[in-house]
Amino acid sequence: MRADRSQLSVAILGRASRLLTSFDAHPGDRLVAAIDLRGRYREPFANWDAATNAPVARLRSDLELMPRIAEADLCRAAKDISQGGIVGTAAMLAECSGVGIKIDVRAVPKPHSAPIDRWLMTFPSFGYLLAVAPGDVGAVTRLFSERDIAAADIGGVFEGAEVAIADGETVEVIWDFERASLIGAPRRETVA
């Protein structure tokens, strides 16, 4: 294929004793965002690059966090933050799990220089949303903090069909699965 830019395609093969999926978030879970803020925007795009100039050993160790969290049974469901940004990824996680999600935008870890509206739509090179039982939030955020990766409880998972963002008392519904599907995942009944 010919293109005017370099391109990269990656496939990873391996074995895992426990997997994290996008299908197991439960009402009552807390939504944790973990994002490597040690980077910069690849202007003019909404891509946050925390990998290109990072030491290889650090990147490898950072990538070991998710399997460690899974194997320690500290997380029910997770999704890497994709091109849909934090809000779009939360909507994908909600649709797959058949739940609603409410995000407190004031709790989202972000670089000081990034406006929140841009940041919520940013695709970070290392970023995850995790559905975590309330009692495990501290353990999960500590594991990321030990690697200098920002992690915070940014909201909750609830029974319902909406994804909303809140800024103080102001709440805005971003997506309502009763009206339309986002990625086509069939809605399912959640198991509490």
N, C-alpha and C. Protein backbone atom coordinates (compact mmCIF):
# COMPACT_ATOMS: atom_id res chain seq x y z
N MET A 1 0.84 -1.17 0.00
CA MET A 1 0.00 0.00 0.00
C MET A 1 0.88 1.24 0.00
N ARG A 2 0.48 2.24 -0.73
CA ARG A 2 1.24 3.49 -0.81
C ARG A 2 0.53 4.56 -0.01
N ALA A 3 1.32 5.30 0.75
CA ALA A 3 0.76 6.39 1.54
C ALA A 3 1.81 7.47 1.66
N ASP A 4 1.37 8.68 1.95
CA ASP A 4 2.31 9.79 2.09
C ASP A 4 2.90 9.86 3.50
N ARG A 5 2.45 8.96 4.40
CA ARG A 5 2.96 8.92 5.78
C ARG A 5 3.35 7.50 6.15
N SER A 6 4.25 7.40 7.11
CA SER A 6 4.58 6.08 7.65
C SER A 6 3.39 5.53 8.40
N GLN A 7 3.23 4.21 8.37
CA GLN A 7 2.12 3.57 9.06
C GLN A 7 2.66 2.37 9.83
N LEU A 8 1.91 1.99 10.85
CA LEU A 8 2.32 0.86 11.68
C LEU A 8 1.09 0.03 12.00
N SER A 9 1.24 -1.27 11.88
CA SER A 9 0.17 -2.19 12.26
C SER A 9 0.80 -3.20 13.22
N VAL A 10 0.07 -3.49 14.31
CA VAL A 10 0.63 -4.35 15.35
C VAL A 10 -0.35 -5.46 15.70
N ALA A 11 0.17 -6.65 15.91
CA ALA A 11 -0.60 -7.77 16.46
C ALA A 11 0.21 -8.34 17.60
N ILE A 12 -0.47 -8.72 18.67
CA ILE A 12 0.24 -9.26 19.84
C ILE A 12 -0.32 -10.64 20.13
N LEU A 13 0.57 -11.58 20.29
CA LEU A 13 0.20 -12.94 20.65
C LEU A 13 0.78 -13.25 22.02
N GLY A 14 0.06 -14.02 22.80
CA GLY A 14 0.58 -14.38 24.12
C GLY A 14 -0.43 -15.20 24.87
N ARG A 15 -0.12 -15.45 26.13
CA ARG A 15 -1.00 -16.21 26.99
C ARG A 15 -1.35 -15.36 28.21
N ALA A 16 -2.56 -15.51 28.67
CA ALA A 16 -2.99 -14.76 29.85
C ALA A 16 -3.78 -15.70 30.75
N SER A 17 -3.60 -15.54 32.04
CA SER A 17 -4.36 -16.37 32.98
C SER A 17 -5.71 -15.74 33.30
N ARG A 18 -5.84 -14.43 33.07
CA ARG A 18 -7.11 -13.74 33.30
C ARG A 18 -7.20 -12.57 32.33
N LEU A 19 -8.35 -12.41 31.70
CA LEU A 19 -8.54 -11.35 30.72
C LEU A 19 -9.48 -10.27 31.25
N LEU A 20 -9.28 -9.07 30.79
CA LEU A 20 -10.20 -7.97 31.05
C LEU A 20 -10.94 -7.70 29.74
N THR A 21 -12.26 -7.59 29.81
CA THR A 21 -13.04 -7.33 28.61
C THR A 21 -13.81 -6.03 28.80
N SER A 22 -14.53 -5.66 27.77
CA SER A 22 -15.40 -4.48 27.84
C SER A 22 -16.82 -4.86 28.23
N PHE A 23 -17.05 -6.12 28.58
CA PHE A 23 -18.41 -6.63 28.78
C PHE A 23 -18.79 -6.89 30.23
N ASP A 24 -17.95 -6.53 31.19
CA ASP A 24 -18.21 -6.94 32.57
C ASP A 24 -18.30 -5.81 33.58
N ALA A 25 -18.51 -4.59 33.15
CA ALA A 25 -18.72 -3.50 34.11
C ALA A 25 -20.09 -3.70 34.75
N HIS A 26 -20.17 -3.49 36.07
CA HIS A 26 -21.41 -3.70 36.81
C HIS A 26 -21.87 -2.42 37.50
N PRO A 27 -23.18 -2.25 37.64
CA PRO A 27 -23.67 -1.12 38.43
C PRO A 27 -23.02 -1.14 39.81
N GLY A 28 -22.60 0.03 40.25
CA GLY A 28 -21.91 0.15 41.54
C GLY A 28 -20.41 0.24 41.39
N ASP A 29 -19.86 -0.20 40.23
CA ASP A 29 -18.42 -0.06 39.99
C ASP A 29 -18.06 1.41 39.90
N ARG A 30 -16.83 1.72 40.19
CA ARG A 30 -16.28 3.05 39.98
C ARG A 30 -15.52 3.03 38.67
N LEU A 31 -15.53 4.15 37.96
CA LEU A 31 -14.81 4.28 36.70
C LEU A 31 -13.49 4.98 36.99
N VAL A 32 -12.40 4.26 36.75
CA VAL A 32 -11.06 4.79 36.98
C VAL A 32 -10.43 5.08 35.62
N ALA A 33 -9.85 6.27 35.48
CA ALA A 33 -9.08 6.62 34.28
C ALA A 33 -7.61 6.59 34.66
N ALA A 34 -6.80 5.90 33.85
CA ALA A 34 -5.35 5.85 34.04
C ALA A 34 -4.71 6.31 32.74
N ILE A 35 -3.96 7.41 32.81
CA ILE A 35 -3.41 8.02 31.60
C ILE A 35 -1.98 8.49 31.87
N ASP A 36 -1.08 8.17 30.96
CA ASP A 36 0.29 8.68 31.06
C ASP A 36 0.31 10.11 30.53
N LEU A 37 0.51 11.04 31.43
CA LEU A 37 0.50 12.47 31.06
C LEU A 37 1.87 12.98 30.64
N ARG A 38 2.89 12.12 30.67
CA ARG A 38 4.25 12.53 30.31
C ARG A 38 4.39 12.55 28.79
N GLY A 39 3.81 13.52 28.17
CA GLY A 39 3.86 13.57 26.72
C GLY A 39 3.46 14.92 26.19
N ARG A 40 2.95 14.92 24.96
CA ARG A 40 2.55 16.15 24.30
C ARG A 40 1.59 15.81 23.18
N TYR A 41 0.84 16.81 22.76
CA TYR A 41 -0.04 16.62 21.61
C TYR A 41 0.79 16.51 20.33
N ARG A 42 0.34 15.68 19.41
CA ARG A 42 0.90 15.62 18.07
C ARG A 42 0.04 16.54 17.23
N GLU A 43 0.34 17.82 17.31
CA GLU A 43 -0.46 18.84 16.62
C GLU A 43 -0.51 18.58 15.12
N PRO A 44 -1.60 18.86 14.50
CA PRO A 44 -2.81 19.49 15.02
C PRO A 44 -3.84 18.47 15.50
N PHE A 45 -3.41 17.24 15.68
CA PHE A 45 -4.33 16.15 15.99
C PHE A 45 -4.64 16.07 17.48
N ALA A 46 -5.67 15.31 17.81
CA ALA A 46 -6.05 15.10 19.21
C ALA A 46 -5.41 13.81 19.72
N ASN A 47 -4.13 13.63 19.41
CA ASN A 47 -3.38 12.46 19.86
C ASN A 47 -2.34 12.90 20.87
N TRP A 48 -2.35 12.26 22.05
CA TRP A 48 -1.40 12.58 23.11
C TRP A 48 -0.29 11.53 23.07
N ASP A 49 0.91 11.94 22.70
CA ASP A 49 2.04 11.04 22.53
C ASP A 49 2.91 11.01 23.79
N ALA A 50 2.80 9.91 24.53
CA ALA A 50 3.64 9.72 25.71
C ALA A 50 4.59 8.55 25.50
N ALA A 51 4.74 8.10 24.25
CA ALA A 51 5.53 6.89 23.99
C ALA A 51 6.75 7.12 23.11
N THR A 52 6.65 7.99 22.11
CA THR A 52 7.71 8.10 21.11
C THR A 52 9.08 8.35 21.72
N ASN A 53 9.18 9.22 22.69
CA ASN A 53 10.48 9.55 23.29
C ASN A 53 10.69 8.91 24.66
N ALA A 54 9.82 7.99 25.05
CA ALA A 54 9.93 7.35 26.37
C ALA A 54 10.94 6.20 26.32
N PRO A 55 11.62 5.95 27.44
CA PRO A 55 12.55 4.82 27.50
C PRO A 55 11.80 3.49 27.31
N VAL A 56 12.38 2.61 26.52
CA VAL A 56 11.75 1.33 26.19
C VAL A 56 11.47 0.52 27.45
N ALA A 57 12.40 0.49 28.40
CA ALA A 57 12.20 -0.30 29.63
C ALA A 57 10.99 0.22 30.41
N ARG A 58 10.82 1.54 30.44
CA ARG A 58 9.67 2.11 31.14
C ARG A 58 8.36 1.71 30.46
N LEU A 59 8.34 1.78 29.14
CA LEU A 59 7.14 1.41 28.40
C LEU A 59 6.77 -0.05 28.65
N ARG A 60 7.76 -0.92 28.62
CA ARG A 60 7.48 -2.35 28.87
C ARG A 60 6.90 -2.56 30.27
N SER A 61 7.49 -1.92 31.25
CA SER A 61 6.99 -2.06 32.62
C SER A 61 5.60 -1.47 32.77
N ASP A 62 5.33 -0.36 32.10
CA ASP A 62 4.00 0.25 32.15
C ASP A 62 2.96 -0.70 31.56
N LEU A 63 3.31 -1.37 30.47
CA LEU A 63 2.36 -2.28 29.83
C LEU A 63 2.07 -3.52 30.67
N GLU A 64 2.93 -3.82 31.63
CA GLU A 64 2.70 -4.97 32.51
C GLU A 64 1.64 -4.69 33.58
N LEU A 65 1.26 -3.42 33.74
CA LEU A 65 0.28 -3.06 34.77
C LEU A 65 -1.08 -3.71 34.56
N MET A 66 -1.60 -3.68 33.35
CA MET A 66 -2.94 -4.21 33.12
C MET A 66 -3.01 -5.72 33.40
N PRO A 67 -2.04 -6.53 32.93
CA PRO A 67 -2.09 -7.95 33.32
C PRO A 67 -1.97 -8.15 34.84
N ARG A 68 -1.16 -7.34 35.50
CA ARG A 68 -1.04 -7.45 36.97
C ARG A 68 -2.37 -7.16 37.64
N ILE A 69 -3.05 -6.13 37.18
CA ILE A 69 -4.35 -5.76 37.74
C ILE A 69 -5.37 -6.88 37.49
N ALA A 70 -5.35 -7.43 36.29
CA ALA A 70 -6.29 -8.51 35.96
C ALA A 70 -6.02 -9.74 36.82
N GLU A 71 -4.77 -10.14 36.92
CA GLU A 71 -4.43 -11.35 37.66
C GLU A 71 -4.66 -11.19 39.16
N ALA A 72 -4.61 -9.97 39.66
CA ALA A 72 -4.89 -9.72 41.08
C ALA A 72 -6.40 -9.56 41.33
N ASP A 73 -7.19 -9.67 40.27
CA ASP A 73 -8.66 -9.55 40.34
C ASP A 73 -9.08 -8.20 40.94
N LEU A 74 -8.39 -7.13 40.52
CA LEU A 74 -8.68 -5.79 41.01
C LEU A 74 -9.59 -5.00 40.09
N CYS A 75 -9.99 -5.60 38.99
CA CYS A 75 -10.76 -4.87 37.98
C CYS A 75 -11.74 -5.82 37.33
N ARG A 76 -12.96 -5.35 37.10
CA ARG A 76 -13.98 -6.19 36.45
C ARG A 76 -13.96 -6.07 34.93
N ALA A 77 -13.75 -4.86 34.43
CA ALA A 77 -13.77 -4.61 32.99
C ALA A 77 -12.85 -3.44 32.69
N ALA A 78 -12.37 -3.38 31.46
CA ALA A 78 -11.48 -2.29 31.08
C ALA A 78 -11.53 -2.09 29.57
N LYS A 79 -11.16 -0.90 29.17
CA LYS A 79 -11.09 -0.58 27.74
C LYS A 79 -9.99 0.45 27.56
N ASP A 80 -9.14 0.25 26.55
CA ASP A 80 -8.13 1.25 26.26
C ASP A 80 -8.82 2.47 25.65
N ILE A 81 -8.37 3.63 26.06
CA ILE A 81 -8.95 4.87 25.54
C ILE A 81 -8.54 4.99 24.08
N SER A 82 -9.54 5.03 23.22
CA SER A 82 -9.29 5.00 21.78
C SER A 82 -9.49 6.38 21.17
N GLN A 83 -9.62 6.40 19.86
CA GLN A 83 -9.80 7.65 19.13
C GLN A 83 -11.06 8.39 19.56
N GLY A 84 -11.99 7.69 20.23
CA GLY A 84 -13.19 8.33 20.75
C GLY A 84 -12.93 9.15 21.99
N GLY A 85 -11.70 9.13 22.50
CA GLY A 85 -11.36 9.86 23.71
C GLY A 85 -12.01 9.22 24.94
N ILE A 86 -11.90 9.92 26.06
CA ILE A 86 -12.43 9.39 27.32
C ILE A 86 -13.94 9.20 27.24
N VAL A 87 -14.65 10.17 26.74
CA VAL A 87 -16.11 10.09 26.70
C VAL A 87 -16.57 9.02 25.71
N GLY A 88 -16.00 9.00 24.51
CA GLY A 88 -16.39 8.00 23.52
C GLY A 88 -16.05 6.59 23.97
N THR A 89 -14.91 6.42 24.62
CA THR A 89 -14.51 5.11 25.13
C THR A 89 -15.43 4.68 26.26
N ALA A 90 -15.81 5.61 27.12
CA ALA A 90 -16.76 5.28 28.20
C ALA A 90 -18.08 4.82 27.60
N ALA A 91 -18.50 5.45 26.51
CA ALA A 91 -19.75 5.04 25.85
C ALA A 91 -19.62 3.64 25.27
N MET A 92 -18.49 3.31 24.69
CA MET A 92 -18.29 1.95 24.16
C MET A 92 -18.31 0.92 25.28
N LEU A 93 -17.64 1.24 26.40
CA LEU A 93 -17.63 0.34 27.56
C LEU A 93 -19.04 0.16 28.10
N ALA A 94 -19.79 1.25 28.20
CA ALA A 94 -21.16 1.18 28.70
C ALA A 94 -22.04 0.33 27.79
N GLU A 95 -21.93 0.55 26.49
CA GLU A 95 -22.76 -0.22 25.57
C GLU A 95 -22.44 -1.71 25.65
N CYS A 96 -21.17 -2.06 25.66
CA CYS A 96 -20.79 -3.47 25.72
C CYS A 96 -21.25 -4.14 27.01
N SER A 97 -21.22 -3.41 28.12
CA SER A 97 -21.58 -3.97 29.42
C SER A 97 -23.06 -3.82 29.75
N GLY A 98 -23.79 -3.06 28.96
CA GLY A 98 -25.21 -2.86 29.23
C GLY A 98 -25.47 -2.03 30.48
N VAL A 99 -24.65 -0.99 30.67
CA VAL A 99 -24.77 -0.14 31.85
C VAL A 99 -24.78 1.32 31.44
N GLY A 100 -25.01 2.19 32.40
CA GLY A 100 -24.85 3.62 32.23
C GLY A 100 -23.57 4.05 32.92
N ILE A 101 -23.02 5.18 32.50
CA ILE A 101 -21.80 5.73 33.11
C ILE A 101 -21.97 7.23 33.24
N LYS A 102 -21.52 7.75 34.39
CA LYS A 102 -21.51 9.20 34.61
C LYS A 102 -20.08 9.59 34.97
N ILE A 103 -19.54 10.54 34.22
CA ILE A 103 -18.15 11.00 34.40
C ILE A 103 -18.15 12.38 35.03
N ASP A 104 -17.35 12.55 36.09
CA ASP A 104 -17.13 13.85 36.70
C ASP A 104 -15.91 14.46 36.02
N VAL A 105 -16.13 15.43 35.13
CA VAL A 105 -15.03 15.97 34.34
C VAL A 105 -13.96 16.64 35.20
N ARG A 106 -14.34 17.10 36.39
CA ARG A 106 -13.35 17.75 37.28
C ARG A 106 -12.38 16.74 37.86
N ALA A 107 -12.71 15.45 37.84
CA ALA A 107 -11.84 14.42 38.41
C ALA A 107 -10.91 13.78 37.39
N VAL A 108 -11.11 14.08 36.10
CA VAL A 108 -10.33 13.44 35.04
C VAL A 108 -8.89 13.93 35.09
N PRO A 109 -7.91 13.00 35.17
CA PRO A 109 -6.51 13.43 35.13
C PRO A 109 -6.20 14.00 33.74
N LYS A 110 -5.53 15.16 33.72
CA LYS A 110 -5.20 15.78 32.44
C LYS A 110 -3.97 16.65 32.59
N PRO A 111 -3.29 16.91 31.48
CA PRO A 111 -2.18 17.86 31.52
C PRO A 111 -2.73 19.25 31.82
N HIS A 112 -1.98 20.05 32.54
CA HIS A 112 -2.43 21.40 32.90
C HIS A 112 -2.72 22.25 31.66
N SER A 113 -1.97 22.02 30.60
CA SER A 113 -2.10 22.87 29.41
C SER A 113 -3.27 22.49 28.50
N ALA A 114 -3.89 21.34 28.75
CA ALA A 114 -4.95 20.88 27.85
C ALA A 114 -6.32 21.38 28.31
N PRO A 115 -7.05 22.04 27.44
CA PRO A 115 -8.43 22.42 27.79
C PRO A 115 -9.26 21.15 27.95
N ILE A 116 -10.17 21.13 28.91
CA ILE A 116 -10.92 19.92 29.22
C ILE A 116 -11.74 19.45 28.03
N ASP A 117 -12.31 20.34 27.24
CA ASP A 117 -13.12 19.89 26.10
C ASP A 117 -12.26 19.16 25.07
N ARG A 118 -11.03 19.61 24.85
CA ARG A 118 -10.13 18.90 23.94
C ARG A 118 -9.68 17.59 24.57
N TRP A 119 -9.34 17.62 25.87
CA TRP A 119 -8.81 16.45 26.54
C TRP A 119 -9.81 15.29 26.55
N LEU A 120 -11.08 15.59 26.74
CA LEU A 120 -12.09 14.53 26.78
C LEU A 120 -12.22 13.79 25.45
N MET A 121 -11.75 14.40 24.37
CA MET A 121 -11.80 13.77 23.05
C MET A 121 -10.43 13.31 22.57
N THR A 122 -9.43 13.36 23.44
CA THR A 122 -8.06 13.01 23.08
C THR A 122 -7.82 11.51 23.12
N PHE A 123 -6.98 11.04 22.20
CA PHE A 123 -6.55 9.65 22.11
C PHE A 123 -5.13 9.58 22.68
N PRO A 124 -4.98 9.12 23.95
CA PRO A 124 -3.64 9.04 24.53
C PRO A 124 -2.92 7.76 24.11
N SER A 125 -1.61 7.82 24.01
CA SER A 125 -0.85 6.62 23.65
C SER A 125 -0.91 5.57 24.76
N PHE A 126 -1.10 5.99 26.00
CA PHE A 126 -1.31 5.05 27.12
C PHE A 126 -2.45 5.61 27.94
N GLY A 127 -3.60 4.98 27.82
CA GLY A 127 -4.76 5.42 28.59
C GLY A 127 -5.79 4.32 28.66
N TYR A 128 -6.36 4.10 29.85
CA TYR A 128 -7.35 3.05 30.06
C TYR A 128 -8.48 3.58 30.93
N LEU A 129 -9.67 3.04 30.70
CA LEU A 129 -10.79 3.19 31.60
C LEU A 129 -11.02 1.83 32.22
N LEU A 130 -11.16 1.80 33.54
CA LEU A 130 -11.33 0.54 34.25
C LEU A 130 -12.57 0.61 35.12
N ALA A 131 -13.39 -0.44 35.10
CA ALA A 131 -14.53 -0.57 36.00
C ALA A 131 -14.04 -1.36 37.21
N VAL A 132 -14.03 -0.71 38.37
CA VAL A 132 -13.38 -1.25 39.55
C VAL A 132 -14.37 -1.25 40.72
N ALA A 133 -14.38 -2.34 41.47
CA ALA A 133 -15.21 -2.37 42.68
C ALA A 133 -14.73 -1.26 43.61
N PRO A 134 -15.64 -0.57 44.30
CA PRO A 134 -15.24 0.56 45.14
C PRO A 134 -14.10 0.26 46.11
N GLY A 135 -14.08 -0.91 46.69
CA GLY A 135 -13.04 -1.26 47.65
C GLY A 135 -11.67 -1.48 47.04
N ASP A 136 -11.59 -1.58 45.71
CA ASP A 136 -10.30 -1.81 45.04
C ASP A 136 -9.73 -0.58 44.35
N VAL A 137 -10.46 0.54 44.39
CA VAL A 137 -10.01 1.75 43.70
C VAL A 137 -8.64 2.21 44.21
N GLY A 138 -8.44 2.23 45.51
CA GLY A 138 -7.16 2.67 46.07
C GLY A 138 -6.00 1.81 45.61
N ALA A 139 -6.18 0.50 45.59
CA ALA A 139 -5.11 -0.41 45.15
C ALA A 139 -4.78 -0.19 43.68
N VAL A 140 -5.81 0.00 42.86
CA VAL A 140 -5.59 0.19 41.43
C VAL A 140 -4.88 1.52 41.16
N THR A 141 -5.36 2.59 41.77
CA THR A 141 -4.72 3.89 41.51
C THR A 141 -3.30 3.93 42.05
N ARG A 142 -3.02 3.22 43.15
CA ARG A 142 -1.64 3.16 43.67
C ARG A 142 -0.71 2.46 42.70
N LEU A 143 -1.17 1.36 42.07
CA LEU A 143 -0.31 0.66 41.11
C LEU A 143 0.10 1.58 39.96
N PHE A 144 -0.84 2.36 39.46
CA PHE A 144 -0.49 3.31 38.39
C PHE A 144 0.42 4.42 38.91
N SER A 145 0.10 4.93 40.09
CA SER A 145 0.90 6.01 40.67
C SER A 145 2.36 5.59 40.86
N GLU A 146 2.58 4.35 41.25
CA GLU A 146 3.95 3.83 41.42
C GLU A 146 4.74 3.89 40.11
N ARG A 147 4.06 3.94 38.97
CA ARG A 147 4.71 4.02 37.66
C ARG A 147 4.63 5.45 37.11
N ASP A 148 4.24 6.41 37.96
CA ASP A 148 4.09 7.82 37.55
C ASP A 148 3.06 8.01 36.44
N ILE A 149 2.02 7.17 36.48
CA ILE A 149 0.90 7.29 35.56
C ILE A 149 -0.28 7.84 36.37
N ALA A 150 -0.88 8.91 35.87
CA ALA A 150 -2.00 9.54 36.58
C ALA A 150 -3.21 8.60 36.54
N ALA A 151 -3.82 8.38 37.70
CA ALA A 151 -5.02 7.54 37.78
C ALA A 151 -5.95 8.12 38.83
N ALA A 152 -7.24 8.13 38.49
CA ALA A 152 -8.21 8.70 39.42
C ALA A 152 -9.59 8.09 39.18
N ASP A 153 -10.37 8.09 40.24
CA ASP A 153 -11.78 7.71 40.17
C ASP A 153 -12.49 8.89 39.52
N ILE A 154 -13.04 8.68 38.32
CA ILE A 154 -13.65 9.79 37.58
C ILE A 154 -15.17 9.67 37.47
N GLY A 155 -15.74 8.67 38.10
CA GLY A 155 -17.19 8.55 37.99
C GLY A 155 -17.69 7.18 38.37
N GLY A 156 -18.93 6.94 38.00
CA GLY A 156 -19.55 5.69 38.41
C GLY A 156 -20.27 4.99 37.28
N VAL A 157 -20.47 3.70 37.53
CA VAL A 157 -21.22 2.83 36.63
C VAL A 157 -22.56 2.59 37.32
N PHE A 158 -23.65 2.70 36.56
CA PHE A 158 -24.96 2.53 37.17
C PHE A 158 -25.87 1.75 36.25
N GLU A 159 -26.97 1.28 36.80
CA GLU A 159 -27.97 0.61 36.00
C GLU A 159 -28.64 1.67 35.14
N GLY A 160 -28.66 1.47 33.85
CA GLY A 160 -29.25 2.46 32.98
C GLY A 160 -28.70 2.36 31.58
N ALA A 161 -29.03 3.35 30.77
CA ALA A 161 -28.67 3.31 29.35
C ALA A 161 -28.10 4.63 28.86
N GLU A 162 -27.57 5.45 29.77
CA GLU A 162 -27.04 6.75 29.37
C GLU A 162 -25.58 6.90 29.78
N VAL A 163 -24.87 7.66 28.98
CA VAL A 163 -23.53 8.11 29.33
C VAL A 163 -23.63 9.62 29.48
N ALA A 164 -23.19 10.11 30.63
CA ALA A 164 -23.31 11.54 30.92
C ALA A 164 -22.01 12.07 31.48
N ILE A 165 -21.81 13.37 31.30
CA ILE A 165 -20.69 14.05 31.95
C ILE A 165 -21.27 15.08 32.90
N ALA A 166 -20.58 15.24 34.02
CA ALA A 166 -21.02 16.20 35.04
C ALA A 166 -19.88 17.16 35.34
N ASP A 167 -20.25 18.41 35.50
CA ASP A 167 -19.31 19.45 35.93
C ASP A 167 -20.03 20.19 37.05
N GLY A 168 -19.80 19.73 38.26
CA GLY A 168 -20.55 20.26 39.39
C GLY A 168 -21.99 19.80 39.29
N GLU A 169 -22.92 20.74 39.38
CA GLU A 169 -24.34 20.41 39.31
C GLU A 169 -24.83 20.24 37.87
N THR A 170 -24.03 20.66 36.91
CA THR A 170 -24.42 20.56 35.51
C THR A 170 -24.13 19.16 34.98
N VAL A 171 -25.16 18.50 34.48
CA VAL A 171 -25.02 17.15 33.91
C VAL A 171 -25.53 17.18 32.49
N GLU A 172 -24.75 16.63 31.57
CA GLU A 172 -25.15 16.57 30.17
C GLU A 172 -25.09 15.12 29.70
N VAL A 173 -26.22 14.63 29.18
CA VAL A 173 -26.24 13.28 28.62
C VAL A 173 -25.57 13.33 27.25
N ILE A 174 -24.56 12.49 27.08
CA ILE A 174 -23.81 12.44 25.84
C ILE A 174 -24.39 11.39 24.90
N TRP A 175 -24.83 10.27 25.47
CA TRP A 175 -25.39 9.21 24.64
C TRP A 175 -26.48 8.49 25.41
N ASP A 176 -27.56 8.16 24.72
CA ASP A 176 -28.67 7.42 25.30
C ASP A 176 -28.89 6.18 24.44
N PHE A 177 -28.57 5.01 24.99
CA PHE A 177 -28.68 3.77 24.23
C PHE A 177 -30.13 3.35 23.99
N GLU A 178 -31.06 3.96 24.70
CA GLU A 178 -32.48 3.70 24.43
C GLU A 178 -32.87 4.30 23.08
N ARG A 179 -32.14 5.32 22.66
CA ARG A 179 -32.43 5.99 21.39
C ARG A 179 -31.64 5.41 20.23
N ALA A 180 -30.38 5.07 20.46
CA ALA A 180 -29.54 4.57 19.37
C ALA A 180 -28.33 3.82 19.91
N SER A 181 -27.92 2.84 19.16
CA SER A 181 -26.69 2.11 19.45
C SER A 181 -25.51 2.98 19.01
N LEU A 182 -24.37 2.78 19.64
CA LEU A 182 -23.16 3.51 19.23
C LEU A 182 -22.29 2.63 18.34
N ILE A 183 -21.91 1.45 18.85
CA ILE A 183 -21.03 0.56 18.08
C ILE A 183 -21.74 -0.72 17.64
N GLY A 184 -23.02 -0.85 17.99
CA GLY A 184 -23.77 -2.02 17.57
C GLY A 184 -23.72 -3.19 18.53
N ALA A 185 -23.15 -3.00 19.70
CA ALA A 185 -23.14 -4.08 20.69
C ALA A 185 -24.57 -4.26 21.21
N PRO A 186 -25.05 -5.48 21.24
CA PRO A 186 -26.42 -5.67 21.74
C PRO A 186 -26.53 -5.32 23.22
N ARG A 187 -27.58 -4.61 23.58
CA ARG A 187 -27.81 -4.27 24.99
C ARG A 187 -28.13 -5.55 25.72
N ARG A 188 -27.60 -5.70 26.89
CA ARG A 188 -27.88 -6.89 27.68
C ARG A 188 -28.22 -6.48 29.08
N GLU A 189 -28.86 -7.36 29.78
CA GLU A 189 -29.16 -7.12 31.17
C GLU A 189 -27.88 -7.26 31.97
N THR A 190 -27.64 -6.34 32.89
CA THR A 190 -26.45 -6.42 33.73
C THR A 190 -26.67 -7.37 34.87
N VAL A 191 -25.56 -7.92 35.34
CA VAL A 191 -25.60 -8.81 36.51
C VAL A 191 -24.92 -8.07 37.64
N ALA A 192 -25.65 -7.77 38.68
CA ALA A 192 -25.09 -7.00 39.80
C ALA A 192 -24.14 -7.83 40.63
